[in-house]
C-alpha atoms as a PDB file:
ATOM      1  CA  MET A   1       0.000   0.000   0.000  1.00  0.00           C
ATOM      2  CA  VAL A   2       1.195   3.533  -0.773  1.00  0.00           C
ATOM      3  CA  ASP A   3       1.689   5.950   2.062  1.00  0.00           C
ATOM      4  CA  PRO A   4      -0.044   9.277   1.117  1.00  0.00           C
ATOM      5  CA  SER A   5       2.602  11.228   2.994  1.00  0.00           C
ATOM      6  CA  SER A   6       5.261   9.847   0.691  1.00  0.00           C
ATOM      7  CA  HIS A   7       3.956  11.717  -2.373  1.00  0.00           C
ATOM      8  CA  ASN A   8       6.139  14.384  -3.829  1.00  0.00           C
ATOM      9  CA  LYS A   9       5.500  17.599  -1.873  1.00  0.00           C
ATOM     10  CA  THR A  10       6.988  19.714  -4.669  1.00  0.00           C
ATOM     11  CA  ALA A  11       4.342  18.758  -7.209  1.00  0.00           C
ATOM     12  CA  ALA A  12       2.661  21.610  -9.066  1.00  0.00           C
ATOM     13  CA  PRO A  13      -0.249  23.088  -7.154  1.00  0.00           C
ATOM     14  CA  ASP A  14      -3.781  22.632  -8.394  1.00  0.00           C
ATOM     15  CA  SER A  15      -4.419  25.123 -11.241  1.00  0.00           C
ATOM     16  CA  ARG A  16      -7.602  26.353  -9.533  1.00  0.00           C
ATOM     17  CA  SER A  17      -5.687  27.566  -6.503  1.00  0.00           C
ATOM     18  CA  VAL A  18      -2.970  29.459  -8.372  1.00  0.00           C
ATOM     19  CA  ALA A  19      -3.247  33.216  -7.953  1.00  0.00           C
ATOM     20  CA  ARG A  20      -3.292  34.859 -11.333  1.00  0.00           C
ATOM     21  CA  PRO A  21      -2.026  38.402 -11.719  1.00  0.00           C
ATOM     22  CA  LYS A  22      -4.605  40.955 -12.784  1.00  0.00           C
ATOM     23  CA  LEU A  23      -3.999  42.082 -16.303  1.00  0.00           C
ATOM     24  CA  ARG A  24      -4.563  45.677 -17.231  1.00  0.00           C
ATOM     25  CA  ARG A  25      -6.482  46.268 -20.431  1.00  0.00           C
ATOM     26  CA  ALA A  26      -4.582  47.909 -23.256  1.00  0.00           C
ATOM     27  CA  ALA A  27      -7.143  50.737 -23.421  1.00  0.00           C
ATOM     28  CA  ASP A  28      -6.520  51.770 -19.813  1.00  0.00           C
ATOM     29  CA  THR A  29      -4.321  54.802 -19.258  1.00  0.00           C
ATOM     30  CA  ARG A  30      -2.885  55.912 -15.946  1.00  0.00           C
ATOM     31  CA  ILE A  31      -3.326  59.445 -14.678  1.00  0.00           C
ATOM     32  CA  ALA A  32      -0.506  60.046 -12.264  1.00  0.00           C
ATOM     33  CA  GLY A  33      -0.202  62.919  -9.864  1.00  0.00           C
ATOM     34  CA  PRO A  34       1.514  63.464  -6.533  1.00  0.00           C
ATOM     35  CA  ASP A  35      -0.884  61.241  -4.554  1.00  0.00           C
ATOM     36  CA  THR A  36      -2.963  59.715  -7.307  1.00  0.00           C
ATOM     37  CA  ASN A  37      -2.975  56.646  -9.456  1.00  0.00           C
ATOM     38  CA  PHE A  38      -6.292  56.659 -11.277  1.00  0.00           C
ATOM     39  CA  VAL A  39      -7.171  54.462 -14.220  1.00  0.00           C
ATOM     40  CA  MET A  40      -8.996  56.158 -17.087  1.00  0.00           C
ATOM     41  CA  ASN A  41     -10.762  53.434 -19.052  1.00  0.00           C
ATOM     42  CA  PRO A  42     -12.901  53.874 -22.193  1.00  0.00           C
ATOM     43  CA  ILE A  43     -16.180  54.161 -20.247  1.00  0.00           C
ATOM     44  CA  LYS A  44     -14.823  56.907 -18.020  1.00  0.00           C
ATOM     45  CA  ALA A  45     -13.356  58.716 -21.019  1.00  0.00           C
ATOM     46  CA  LEU A  46     -16.692  58.473 -22.841  1.00  0.00           C
ATOM     47  CA  VAL A  47     -18.658  59.909 -19.900  1.00  0.00           C
ATOM     48  CA  VAL A  48     -16.191  62.773 -19.318  1.00  0.00           C
ATOM     49  CA  SER A  49     -16.145  63.516 -23.058  1.00  0.00           C
ATOM     50  CA  LEU A  50     -19.934  63.595 -23.114  1.00  0.00           C
ATOM     51  CA  PHE A  51     -19.925  66.091 -20.247  1.00  0.00           C
ATOM     52  CA  ALA A  52     -17.478  68.275 -22.178  1.00  0.00           C
ATOM     53  CA  ILE A  53     -19.689  68.070 -25.278  1.00  0.00           C
ATOM     54  CA  TYR A  54     -22.741  69.031 -23.182  1.00  0.00           C
ATOM     55  CA  TRP A  55     -20.926  72.075 -21.869  1.00  0.00           C
ATOM     56  CA  VAL A  56     -19.834  73.165 -25.358  1.00  0.00           C
ATOM     57  CA  ILE A  57     -23.386  72.743 -26.711  1.00  0.00           C
ATOM     58  CA  VAL A  58     -24.842  74.846 -23.894  1.00  0.00           C
ATOM     59  CA  VAL A  59     -22.296  77.612 -24.483  1.00  0.00           C
ATOM     60  CA  LEU A  60     -22.928  77.494 -28.247  1.00  0.00           C
ATOM     61  CA  ILE A  61     -26.680  77.770 -27.664  1.00  0.00           C
ATOM     62  CA  LEU A  62     -26.075  80.687 -25.296  1.00  0.00           C
ATOM     63  CA  VAL A  63     -23.871  82.498 -27.821  1.00  0.00           C
ATOM     64  CA  PHE A  64     -25.698  81.746 -31.075  1.00  0.00           C
ATOM     65  CA  ALA A  65     -29.296  81.129 -29.968  1.00  0.00           C
ATOM     66  CA  ARG A  66     -29.852  83.182 -26.843  1.00  0.00           C
ATOM     67  CA  ASP A  67     -33.592  83.279 -27.443  1.00  0.00           C
ATOM     68  CA  VAL A  68     -33.697  79.454 -27.262  1.00  0.00           C
ATOM     69  CA  PHE A  69     -31.532  79.488 -24.118  1.00  0.00           C
ATOM     70  CA  ASP A  70     -33.867  82.047 -22.546  1.00  0.00           C
ATOM     71  CA  GLN A  71     -36.975  80.113 -23.640  1.00  0.00           C
ATOM     72  CA  VAL A  72     -35.733  76.828 -22.156  1.00  0.00           C
ATOM     73  CA  ALA A  73     -34.548  78.559 -18.956  1.00  0.00           C
ATOM     74  CA  ARG A  74     -37.813  80.568 -18.848  1.00  0.00           C
ATOM     75  CA  LEU A  75     -36.016  83.906 -18.767  1.00  0.00           C
ATOM     76  CA  THR A  76     -37.554  87.137 -20.049  1.00  0.00           C
ATOM     77  CA  GLY A  77     -35.781  90.232 -21.255  1.00  0.00           C
ATOM     78  CA  ASP A  78     -32.053  90.817 -21.069  1.00  0.00           C
ATOM     79  CA  GLN A  79     -30.887  88.598 -18.230  1.00  0.00           C
ATOM     80  CA  ARG A  80     -27.231  88.211 -19.103  1.00  0.00           C
ATOM     81  CA  SER A  81     -26.114  87.865 -15.475  1.00  0.00           C
ATOM     82  CA  THR A  82     -28.642  85.062 -14.889  1.00  0.00           C
ATOM     83  CA  GLU A  83     -27.529  83.296 -18.079  1.00  0.00           C
ATOM     84  CA  ILE A  84     -23.897  83.489 -17.011  1.00  0.00           C
ATOM     85  CA  ALA A  85     -24.801  82.250 -13.524  1.00  0.00           C
ATOM     86  CA  GLU A  86     -26.612  79.261 -15.058  1.00  0.00           C
ATOM     87  CA  VAL A  87     -23.566  78.378 -17.166  1.00  0.00           C
ATOM     88  CA  LEU A  88     -21.293  78.704 -14.115  1.00  0.00           C
ATOM     89  CA  VAL A  89     -23.550  76.413 -12.039  1.00  0.00           C
ATOM     90  CA  LEU A  90     -23.633  73.905 -14.912  1.00  0.00           C
ATOM     91  CA  SER A  91     -19.837  74.143 -15.161  1.00  0.00           C
ATOM     92  CA  ALA A  92     -19.465  73.436 -11.434  1.00  0.00           C
ATOM     93  CA  LEU A  93     -21.840  70.457 -11.621  1.00  0.00           C
ATOM     94  CA  LEU A  94     -20.107  68.937 -14.650  1.00  0.00           C
ATOM     95  CA  THR A  95     -16.701  69.516 -13.043  1.00  0.00           C
ATOM     96  CA  LEU A  96     -17.805  67.759  -9.853  1.00  0.00           C
ATOM     97  CA  LEU A  97     -19.232  64.816 -11.792  1.00  0.00           C
ATOM     98  CA  SER A  98     -16.156  64.601 -14.026  1.00  0.00           C
ATOM     99  CA  THR A  99     -13.910  64.585 -10.960  1.00  0.00           C
ATOM    100  CA  GLY A 100     -16.009  61.772  -9.531  1.00  0.00           C
ATOM    101  CA  VAL A 101     -15.714  59.819 -12.766  1.00  0.00           C
ATOM    102  CA  VAL A 102     -11.931  60.187 -12.958  1.00  0.00           C
ATOM    103  CA  ARG A 103     -11.471  59.314  -9.276  1.00  0.00           C
ATOM    104  CA  GLY A 104     -13.865  56.393  -9.551  1.00  0.00           C
ATOM    105  CA  TRP A 105     -16.324  57.580  -6.902  1.00  0.00           C
ATOM    106  CA  ARG A 106     -19.110  55.028  -6.473  1.00  0.00           C
ATOM    107  CA  TRP A 107     -21.902  57.525  -5.895  1.00  0.00           C
ATOM    108  CA  THR A 108     -21.169  59.274  -9.189  1.00  0.00           C
ATOM    109  CA  PHE A 109     -21.334  55.947 -11.011  1.00  0.00           C
ATOM    110  CA  TRP A 110     -24.791  55.130  -9.645  1.00  0.00           C
ATOM    111  CA  LEU A 111     -26.113  58.680 -10.070  1.00  0.00           C
ATOM    112  CA  ILE A 112     -24.916  58.911 -13.663  1.00  0.00           C
ATOM    113  CA  LEU A 113     -26.175  55.402 -14.441  1.00  0.00           C
ATOM    114  CA  VAL A 114     -29.694  56.181 -13.190  1.00  0.00           C
ATOM    115  CA  VAL A 115     -29.841  59.581 -14.903  1.00  0.00           C
ATOM    116  CA  PHE A 116     -28.503  58.181 -18.174  1.00  0.00           C
ATOM    117  CA  PHE A 117     -31.019  55.311 -18.120  1.00  0.00           C
ATOM    118  CA  ALA A 118     -33.787  57.881 -17.577  1.00  0.00           C
ATOM    119  CA  GLY A 119     -32.501  59.724 -20.658  1.00  0.00           C
ATOM    120  CA  ILE A 120     -34.469  57.328 -22.860  1.00  0.00           C
ATOM    121  CA  LEU A 121     -37.618  59.136 -21.671  1.00  0.00           C
ATOM    122  CA  ARG A 122     -36.508  62.150 -23.706  1.00  0.00           C
ATOM    123  CA  VAL A 123     -37.105  60.252 -26.944  1.00  0.00           C
ATOM    124  CA  PRO A 124     -40.881  59.715 -26.611  1.00  0.00           C
ATOM    125  CA  ALA A 125     -41.223  63.165 -25.036  1.00  0.00           C
ATOM    126  CA  SER A 126     -39.498  64.703 -28.055  1.00  0.00           C
ATOM    127  CA  VAL A 127     -41.677  62.712 -30.447  1.00  0.00           C
ATOM    128  CA  MET A 128     -44.791  63.926 -28.621  1.00  0.00           C
ATOM    129  CA  GLN A 129     -43.504  67.519 -28.713  1.00  0.00           C
ATOM    130  CA  LEU A 130     -42.815  67.324 -32.440  1.00  0.00           C
ATOM    131  CA  ALA A 131     -46.264  65.775 -33.041  1.00  0.00           C
ATOM    132  CA  GLY A 132     -47.894  68.588 -31.069  1.00  0.00           C
ATOM    133  CA  TYR A 133     -49.365  66.440 -28.294  1.00  0.00           C
ATOM    134  CA  ILE A 134     -47.463  68.357 -25.628  1.00  0.00           C
ATOM    135  CA  PRO A 135     -46.025  71.886 -25.796  1.00  0.00           C
ATOM    136  CA  ALA A 136     -42.515  72.070 -27.262  1.00  0.00           C
ATOM    137  CA  GLN A 137     -39.723  73.322 -25.004  1.00  0.00           C
ATOM    138  CA  GLY A 138     -37.999  75.007 -27.914  1.00  0.00           C
ATOM    139  CA  PRO A 139     -37.728  75.051 -31.681  1.00  0.00           C
ATOM    140  CA  PRO A 140     -37.794  71.715 -33.560  1.00  0.00           C
ATOM    141  CA  TRP A 141     -33.987  71.485 -33.822  1.00  0.00           C
ATOM    142  CA  TYR A 142     -33.708  71.803 -30.040  1.00  0.00           C
ATOM    143  CA  VAL A 143     -36.347  69.115 -29.476  1.00  0.00           C
ATOM    144  CA  VAL A 144     -34.465  66.771 -31.839  1.00  0.00           C
ATOM    145  CA  LEU A 145     -31.228  67.585 -29.992  1.00  0.00           C
ATOM    146  CA  GLN A 146     -32.925  66.578 -26.727  1.00  0.00           C
ATOM    147  CA  ALA A 147     -33.935  63.233 -28.262  1.00  0.00           C
ATOM    148  CA  ILE A 148     -30.373  62.621 -29.498  1.00  0.00           C
ATOM    149  CA  VAL A 149     -28.977  63.460 -26.050  1.00  0.00           C
ATOM    150  CA  GLY A 150     -31.448  61.102 -24.373  1.00  0.00           C
ATOM    151  CA  LEU A 151     -30.657  58.245 -26.747  1.00  0.00           C
ATOM    152  CA  THR A 152     -26.914  58.805 -26.319  1.00  0.00           C
ATOM    153  CA  GLN A 153     -27.265  58.772 -22.546  1.00  0.00           C
ATOM    154  CA  PHE A 154     -29.250  55.527 -22.667  1.00  0.00           C
ATOM    155  CA  LEU A 155     -26.649  53.810 -24.859  1.00  0.00           C
ATOM    156  CA  ILE A 156     -23.837  54.909 -22.538  1.00  0.00           C
ATOM    157  CA  ALA A 157     -25.856  53.637 -19.559  1.00  0.00           C
ATOM    158  CA  LEU A 158     -26.067  50.232 -21.252  1.00  0.00           C
ATOM    159  CA  LEU A 159     -22.278  50.243 -21.693  1.00  0.00           C
ATOM    160  CA  MET A 160     -21.819  51.271 -18.053  1.00  0.00           C
ATOM    161  CA  LEU A 161     -24.083  48.437 -16.911  1.00  0.00           C
ATOM    162  CA  ALA A 162     -22.195  45.929 -19.073  1.00  0.00           C
ATOM    163  CA  GLY A 163     -18.904  47.201 -17.623  1.00  0.00           C
ATOM    164  CA  TYR A 164     -20.277  46.913 -14.108  1.00  0.00           C
ATOM    165  CA  ARG A 165     -21.389  43.328 -14.679  1.00  0.00           C
ATOM    166  CA  ARG A 166     -17.984  42.441 -16.082  1.00  0.00           C
ATOM    167  CA  SER A 167     -15.533  44.447 -13.975  1.00  0.00           C
ATOM    168  CA  GLY A 168     -17.401  46.279 -11.211  1.00  0.00           C
ATOM    169  CA  ILE A 169     -17.878  50.015 -10.650  1.00  0.00           C
ATOM    170  CA  TRP A 170     -16.506  52.024 -13.595  1.00  0.00           C
ATOM    171  CA  GLY A 171     -15.417  48.777 -15.292  1.00  0.00           C
ATOM    172  CA  SER A 172     -14.937  48.390 -19.021  1.00  0.00           C
ATOM    173  CA  PRO A 173     -17.440  46.243 -20.903  1.00  0.00           C
END
């Protein structure tokens, strides 16, 4: 009979118990600072880029279509200081959210995910505005822009959810 203690103790360990190193995806880029080591993956870059595009669109509407900006914000007359204050508040909000995205804050992930999923509601609302069932918030091009924004947000939310299921908070799909 074979004594079990006489087996070779240096045999290779079971492959299921071997710790495998985590591999970093090729699309990940490190943002290094004095005390930081954040990973900027494609999902994070997409969300931050979308915030930057939002900001540019709002400023372009303010500069080239002030009447639309005033109509959507429900401003009357020349309210330049209020318009500038609204852009500054939007800038602060988008900066806070972008910081949360880059730093990988959990609460920003869940907040953005919920808001982006709700963006799909802009599509039927825009269709109903264009059809005349509900009052339009602006001219037809603005209503179409709202539908495009809502659809874009929904698609990004799907990517965020896929990344979460695969890699956790702020994971890549």
